[in-house]
């Protein structure tokens, strides 16, 4: 077996690089390990909780593939070793307060902690498209979280409706049996 082939060990696929370390997926058609890690990093950076379902939705990979890649990422120390916690090990420093003030003369004052940056309108216009993607990402993540919450609520409601339906059906079948007995007598 050469270095780019997958080794099968107890039903789990692991990829090995030439030096014996874990291959980050560069020899695959799609580097799935890096796709999963990048999804985890992006969700975490946007302030969300990187859950298995979100990773699957974001990457389009099968849940079993995501599970396999998460095991590899944990083994390599790239994400938290705690179960059900898919946070990158190397995280950014804590965020500081950030504000932007538009002055009456059109100048922008951007403050981060104790630092102040002054931008003229042309500079602000250059910066805006760079930050627009982050704004859209944050908005999309918020919508996904809202949808997940609503889906959980709907699943609970569906279970309750199903439970009530089964109870009603059981009571009706009991009534039919009772009516049959009355007709026989």
C-alpha atoms as a PDB file:
ATOM      1  CA  UNK A   1       0.000   0.000   0.000  1.00  0.00           C
ATOM      2  CA  UNK A   2       1.473   3.364  -0.925  1.00  0.00           C
ATOM      3  CA  UNK A   3       1.303   6.486   1.229  1.00  0.00           C
ATOM      4  CA  UNK A   4      -1.773   7.934  -0.480  1.00  0.00           C
ATOM      5  CA  UNK A   5      -3.965   4.878  -0.037  1.00  0.00           C
ATOM      6  CA  UNK A   6      -6.386   4.624   2.857  1.00  0.00           C
ATOM      7  CA  UNK A   7      -5.594   2.088   5.545  1.00  0.00           C
ATOM      8  CA  UNK A   8      -8.579   0.158   6.923  1.00  0.00           C
ATOM      9  CA  UNK A   9      -8.337  -0.456  10.638  1.00  0.00           C
ATOM     10  CA  UNK A  10     -11.313  -1.791  12.573  1.00  0.00           C
ATOM     11  CA  UNK A  11     -13.734  -0.307  10.048  1.00  0.00           C
ATOM     12  CA  UNK A  12     -12.353   3.249  10.270  1.00  0.00           C
ATOM     13  CA  UNK A  13     -10.592   4.861   7.309  1.00  0.00           C
ATOM     14  CA  UNK A  14      -7.453   6.776   8.175  1.00  0.00           C
ATOM     15  CA  UNK A  15      -5.249   8.508   5.668  1.00  0.00           C
ATOM     16  CA  UNK A  16      -1.497   8.528   6.179  1.00  0.00           C
ATOM     17  CA  UNK A  17       1.028  10.929   4.707  1.00  0.00           C
ATOM     18  CA  UNK A  18       4.462   9.801   3.526  1.00  0.00           C
ATOM     19  CA  UNK A  19       6.012  10.741   6.873  1.00  0.00           C
ATOM     20  CA  UNK A  20       3.466   8.593   8.741  1.00  0.00           C
ATOM     21  CA  UNK A  21       1.410  11.541  10.001  1.00  0.00           C
ATOM     22  CA  UNK A  22      -2.234  12.041   9.183  1.00  0.00           C
ATOM     23  CA  UNK A  23      -2.774  13.219   5.630  1.00  0.00           C
ATOM     24  CA  UNK A  24      -4.952  16.328   5.640  1.00  0.00           C
ATOM     25  CA  UNK A  25      -6.841  15.058   2.620  1.00  0.00           C
ATOM     26  CA  UNK A  26      -4.704  16.670  -0.068  1.00  0.00           C
ATOM     27  CA  UNK A  27      -4.527  13.447  -2.079  1.00  0.00           C
ATOM     28  CA  UNK A  28      -8.307  13.073  -2.205  1.00  0.00           C
ATOM     29  CA  UNK A  29     -10.368  14.644  -4.957  1.00  0.00           C
ATOM     30  CA  UNK A  30     -11.936  16.859  -2.277  1.00  0.00           C
ATOM     31  CA  UNK A  31      -9.871  17.438   0.874  1.00  0.00           C
ATOM     32  CA  UNK A  32     -12.690  16.443   3.235  1.00  0.00           C
ATOM     33  CA  UNK A  33     -10.618  16.814   6.388  1.00  0.00           C
ATOM     34  CA  UNK A  34      -9.896  20.447   5.632  1.00  0.00           C
ATOM     35  CA  UNK A  35     -13.518  21.025   4.549  1.00  0.00           C
ATOM     36  CA  UNK A  36     -14.709  19.827   7.949  1.00  0.00           C
ATOM     37  CA  UNK A  37     -12.064  21.815   9.835  1.00  0.00           C
ATOM     38  CA  UNK A  38     -12.819  24.972   7.842  1.00  0.00           C
ATOM     39  CA  UNK A  39     -16.560  24.574   8.513  1.00  0.00           C
ATOM     40  CA  UNK A  40     -15.864  24.191  12.239  1.00  0.00           C
ATOM     41  CA  UNK A  41     -13.609  27.240  12.201  1.00  0.00           C
ATOM     42  CA  UNK A  42     -16.077  29.400  10.253  1.00  0.00           C
ATOM     43  CA  UNK A  43     -19.044  28.495  12.462  1.00  0.00           C
ATOM     44  CA  UNK A  44     -16.964  29.097  15.590  1.00  0.00           C
ATOM     45  CA  UNK A  45     -15.569  32.410  14.297  1.00  0.00           C
ATOM     46  CA  UNK A  46     -19.101  33.580  13.502  1.00  0.00           C
ATOM     47  CA  UNK A  47     -20.067  32.960  17.129  1.00  0.00           C
ATOM     48  CA  UNK A  48     -22.079  29.806  16.509  1.00  0.00           C
ATOM     49  CA  UNK A  49     -21.919  26.340  18.013  1.00  0.00           C
ATOM     50  CA  UNK A  50     -20.278  23.952  15.528  1.00  0.00           C
ATOM     51  CA  UNK A  51     -22.666  21.000  15.755  1.00  0.00           C
ATOM     52  CA  UNK A  52     -22.470  17.847  13.674  1.00  0.00           C
ATOM     53  CA  UNK A  53     -25.664  18.827  11.840  1.00  0.00           C
ATOM     54  CA  UNK A  54     -24.314  22.276  10.945  1.00  0.00           C
ATOM     55  CA  UNK A  55     -21.034  20.799   9.731  1.00  0.00           C
ATOM     56  CA  UNK A  56     -22.915  18.281   7.559  1.00  0.00           C
ATOM     57  CA  UNK A  57     -25.150  21.035   6.156  1.00  0.00           C
ATOM     58  CA  UNK A  58     -22.237  23.376   5.489  1.00  0.00           C
ATOM     59  CA  UNK A  59     -19.959  20.807   3.829  1.00  0.00           C
ATOM     60  CA  UNK A  60     -22.530  18.619   2.092  1.00  0.00           C
ATOM     61  CA  UNK A  61     -20.663  15.558   3.354  1.00  0.00           C
ATOM     62  CA  UNK A  62     -22.318  12.439   4.737  1.00  0.00           C
ATOM     63  CA  UNK A  63     -22.655  12.336   8.548  1.00  0.00           C
ATOM     64  CA  UNK A  64     -20.401   9.261   8.719  1.00  0.00           C
ATOM     65  CA  UNK A  65     -17.676  11.093   6.768  1.00  0.00           C
ATOM     66  CA  UNK A  66     -17.971  14.099   9.085  1.00  0.00           C
ATOM     67  CA  UNK A  67     -17.749  11.790  12.135  1.00  0.00           C
ATOM     68  CA  UNK A  68     -14.626  10.151  10.705  1.00  0.00           C
ATOM     69  CA  UNK A  69     -12.963  13.493   9.980  1.00  0.00           C
ATOM     70  CA  UNK A  70     -13.851  14.802  13.463  1.00  0.00           C
ATOM     71  CA  UNK A  71     -12.079  11.783  14.980  1.00  0.00           C
ATOM     72  CA  UNK A  72      -8.978  12.558  12.914  1.00  0.00           C
ATOM     73  CA  UNK A  73      -9.097  16.265  13.828  1.00  0.00           C
ATOM     74  CA  UNK A  74      -9.375  15.338  17.514  1.00  0.00           C
ATOM     75  CA  UNK A  75      -6.510  12.896  17.208  1.00  0.00           C
ATOM     76  CA  UNK A  76      -4.323  15.572  15.633  1.00  0.00           C
ATOM     77  CA  UNK A  77      -5.208  18.066  18.371  1.00  0.00           C
ATOM     78  CA  UNK A  78      -6.835  20.478  15.911  1.00  0.00           C
ATOM     79  CA  UNK A  79     -10.183  20.525  17.736  1.00  0.00           C
ATOM     80  CA  UNK A  80     -11.243  20.072  21.343  1.00  0.00           C
ATOM     81  CA  UNK A  81     -10.794  16.518  22.682  1.00  0.00           C
ATOM     82  CA  UNK A  82     -14.153  16.755  24.513  1.00  0.00           C
ATOM     83  CA  UNK A  83     -17.006  14.786  22.997  1.00  0.00           C
ATOM     84  CA  UNK A  84     -19.739  16.849  21.314  1.00  0.00           C
ATOM     85  CA  UNK A  85     -17.445  19.903  21.425  1.00  0.00           C
ATOM     86  CA  UNK A  86     -16.130  20.706  17.973  1.00  0.00           C
ATOM     87  CA  UNK A  87     -14.241  23.916  18.737  1.00  0.00           C
ATOM     88  CA  UNK A  88     -10.830  24.609  17.194  1.00  0.00           C
ATOM     89  CA  UNK A  89      -7.975  24.327  19.696  1.00  0.00           C
ATOM     90  CA  UNK A  90      -6.261  27.488  18.485  1.00  0.00           C
ATOM     91  CA  UNK A  91      -8.816  30.221  18.947  1.00  0.00           C
ATOM     92  CA  UNK A  92      -8.561  33.963  18.641  1.00  0.00           C
ATOM     93  CA  UNK A  93      -8.016  36.183  21.654  1.00  0.00           C
ATOM     94  CA  UNK A  94     -11.131  37.523  23.358  1.00  0.00           C
ATOM     95  CA  UNK A  95     -12.895  40.189  21.321  1.00  0.00           C
ATOM     96  CA  UNK A  96     -12.759  43.781  22.482  1.00  0.00           C
ATOM     97  CA  UNK A  97     -15.542  46.324  22.218  1.00  0.00           C
ATOM     98  CA  UNK A  98     -15.700  47.843  18.734  1.00  0.00           C
ATOM     99  CA  UNK A  99     -17.645  50.922  17.636  1.00  0.00           C
ATOM    100  CA  UNK A 100     -17.935  53.091  14.544  1.00  0.00           C
ATOM    101  CA  UNK A 101     -18.971  56.737  14.643  1.00  0.00           C
ATOM    102  CA  UNK A 102     -19.677  58.902  11.611  1.00  0.00           C
ATOM    103  CA  UNK A 103     -18.582  62.453  12.350  1.00  0.00           C
ATOM    104  CA  UNK A 104     -20.522  65.479  11.006  1.00  0.00           C
ATOM    105  CA  UNK A 105     -17.772  66.134   8.437  1.00  0.00           C
ATOM    106  CA  UNK A 106     -18.131  62.573   6.985  1.00  0.00           C
ATOM    107  CA  UNK A 107     -15.045  61.146   8.732  1.00  0.00           C
ATOM    108  CA  UNK A 108     -15.410  57.688  10.303  1.00  0.00           C
ATOM    109  CA  UNK A 109     -13.955  56.969  13.741  1.00  0.00           C
ATOM    110  CA  UNK A 110     -13.517  53.275  14.396  1.00  0.00           C
ATOM    111  CA  UNK A 111     -12.679  52.392  17.984  1.00  0.00           C
ATOM    112  CA  UNK A 112     -11.391  49.056  19.211  1.00  0.00           C
ATOM    113  CA  UNK A 113     -10.587  49.021  22.888  1.00  0.00           C
ATOM    114  CA  UNK A 114      -8.273  51.994  23.408  1.00  0.00           C
ATOM    115  CA  UNK A 115      -7.280  52.247  19.735  1.00  0.00           C
ATOM    116  CA  UNK A 116      -8.922  54.745  17.382  1.00  0.00           C
ATOM    117  CA  UNK A 117      -8.690  54.676  13.598  1.00  0.00           C
ATOM    118  CA  UNK A 118      -9.839  57.586  11.456  1.00  0.00           C
ATOM    119  CA  UNK A 119     -11.104  56.855   7.937  1.00  0.00           C
ATOM    120  CA  UNK A 120     -12.043  59.297   5.205  1.00  0.00           C
ATOM    121  CA  UNK A 121     -15.177  58.352   3.216  1.00  0.00           C
ATOM    122  CA  UNK A 122     -13.141  56.769   0.391  1.00  0.00           C
ATOM    123  CA  UNK A 123     -11.345  54.498   2.893  1.00  0.00           C
ATOM    124  CA  UNK A 124     -14.643  53.564   4.544  1.00  0.00           C
ATOM    125  CA  UNK A 125     -16.035  52.599   1.114  1.00  0.00           C
ATOM    126  CA  UNK A 126     -12.972  50.400   0.529  1.00  0.00           C
ATOM    127  CA  UNK A 127     -13.423  48.709   3.901  1.00  0.00           C
ATOM    128  CA  UNK A 128     -17.191  48.187   3.587  1.00  0.00           C
ATOM    129  CA  UNK A 129     -17.140  45.334   1.019  1.00  0.00           C
ATOM    130  CA  UNK A 130     -14.491  43.538   3.057  1.00  0.00           C
ATOM    131  CA  UNK A 131     -16.732  43.562   6.122  1.00  0.00           C
ATOM    132  CA  UNK A 132     -19.993  42.983   4.252  1.00  0.00           C
ATOM    133  CA  UNK A 133     -19.227  39.281   3.927  1.00  0.00           C
ATOM    134  CA  UNK A 134     -18.814  39.004   7.695  1.00  0.00           C
ATOM    135  CA  UNK A 135     -22.114  40.795   8.220  1.00  0.00           C
ATOM    136  CA  UNK A 136     -23.888  38.413   5.847  1.00  0.00           C
ATOM    137  CA  UNK A 137     -22.203  35.432   7.491  1.00  0.00           C
ATOM    138  CA  UNK A 138     -23.358  36.553  10.945  1.00  0.00           C
ATOM    139  CA  UNK A 139     -26.889  37.160   9.659  1.00  0.00           C
ATOM    140  CA  UNK A 140     -27.028  33.770   7.946  1.00  0.00           C
ATOM    141  CA  UNK A 141     -25.752  32.007  11.057  1.00  0.00           C
ATOM    142  CA  UNK A 142     -28.413  33.725  13.145  1.00  0.00           C
ATOM    143  CA  UNK A 143     -31.089  32.573  10.697  1.00  0.00           C
ATOM    144  CA  UNK A 144     -29.746  29.006  10.780  1.00  0.00           C
ATOM    145  CA  UNK A 145     -29.886  29.028  14.590  1.00  0.00           C
ATOM    146  CA  UNK A 146     -33.467  30.318  14.479  1.00  0.00           C
ATOM    147  CA  UNK A 147     -34.403  27.616  11.948  1.00  0.00           C
ATOM    148  CA  UNK A 148     -32.806  24.892  14.064  1.00  0.00           C
ATOM    149  CA  UNK A 149     -34.720  26.080  17.123  1.00  0.00           C
ATOM    150  CA  UNK A 150     -37.967  26.137  15.144  1.00  0.00           C
ATOM    151  CA  UNK A 151     -37.275  22.662  13.725  1.00  0.00           C
ATOM    152  CA  UNK A 152     -36.774  21.273  17.242  1.00  0.00           C
ATOM    153  CA  UNK A 153     -40.067  22.882  18.340  1.00  0.00           C
ATOM    154  CA  UNK A 154     -41.850  21.458  15.300  1.00  0.00           C
ATOM    155  CA  UNK A 155     -40.415  17.992  15.907  1.00  0.00           C
ATOM    156  CA  UNK A 156     -41.700  18.106  19.491  1.00  0.00           C
ATOM    157  CA  UNK A 157     -45.130  19.237  18.281  1.00  0.00           C
ATOM    158  CA  UNK A 158     -45.166  16.458  15.692  1.00  0.00           C
ATOM    159  CA  UNK A 159     -44.341  13.860  18.354  1.00  0.00           C
ATOM    160  CA  UNK A 160     -47.187  15.185  20.519  1.00  0.00           C
ATOM    161  CA  UNK A 161     -49.642  15.088  17.591  1.00  0.00           C
ATOM    162  CA  UNK A 162     -48.487  11.556  16.729  1.00  0.00           C
ATOM    163  CA  UNK A 163     -48.930  10.470  20.350  1.00  0.00           C
ATOM    164  CA  UNK A 164     -52.448  11.940  20.440  1.00  0.00           C
ATOM    165  CA  UNK A 165     -53.313  10.326  17.092  1.00  0.00           C
ATOM    166  CA  UNK A 166     -52.231   6.900  18.326  1.00  0.00           C
ATOM    167  CA  UNK A 167     -54.196   7.353  21.551  1.00  0.00           C
ATOM    168  CA  UNK A 168     -57.304   8.391  19.585  1.00  0.00           C
ATOM    169  CA  UNK A 169     -56.897   5.496  17.179  1.00  0.00           C
ATOM    170  CA  UNK A 170     -56.507   3.075  20.075  1.00  0.00           C
ATOM    171  CA  UNK A 171     -59.612   4.438  21.792  1.00  0.00           C
ATOM    172  CA  UNK A 172     -61.601   4.203  18.552  1.00  0.00           C
ATOM    173  CA  UNK A 173     -60.511   0.619  17.957  1.00  0.00           C
ATOM    174  CA  UNK A 174     -61.622  -0.132  21.532  1.00  0.00           C
ATOM    175  CA  UNK A 175     -65.015   1.463  20.784  1.00  0.00           C
ATOM    176  CA  UNK A 176     -65.394  -0.605  17.598  1.00  0.00           C
ATOM    177  CA  UNK A 177     -64.669  -3.782  19.567  1.00  0.00           C
ATOM    178  CA  UNK A 178     -67.234  -2.738  22.201  1.00  0.00           C
ATOM    179  CA  UNK A 179     -69.862  -2.003  19.516  1.00  0.00           C
ATOM    180  CA  UNK A 180     -69.195  -5.404  17.909  1.00  0.00           C
ATOM    181  CA  UNK A 181     -69.787  -7.129  21.249  1.00  0.00           C
ATOM    182  CA  UNK A 182     -73.042  -5.236  21.734  1.00  0.00           C
ATOM    183  CA  UNK A 183     -74.271  -6.248  18.281  1.00  0.00           C
ATOM    184  CA  UNK A 184     -73.457  -9.913  18.918  1.00  0.00           C
ATOM    185  CA  UNK A 185     -75.395  -9.994  22.188  1.00  0.00           C
END
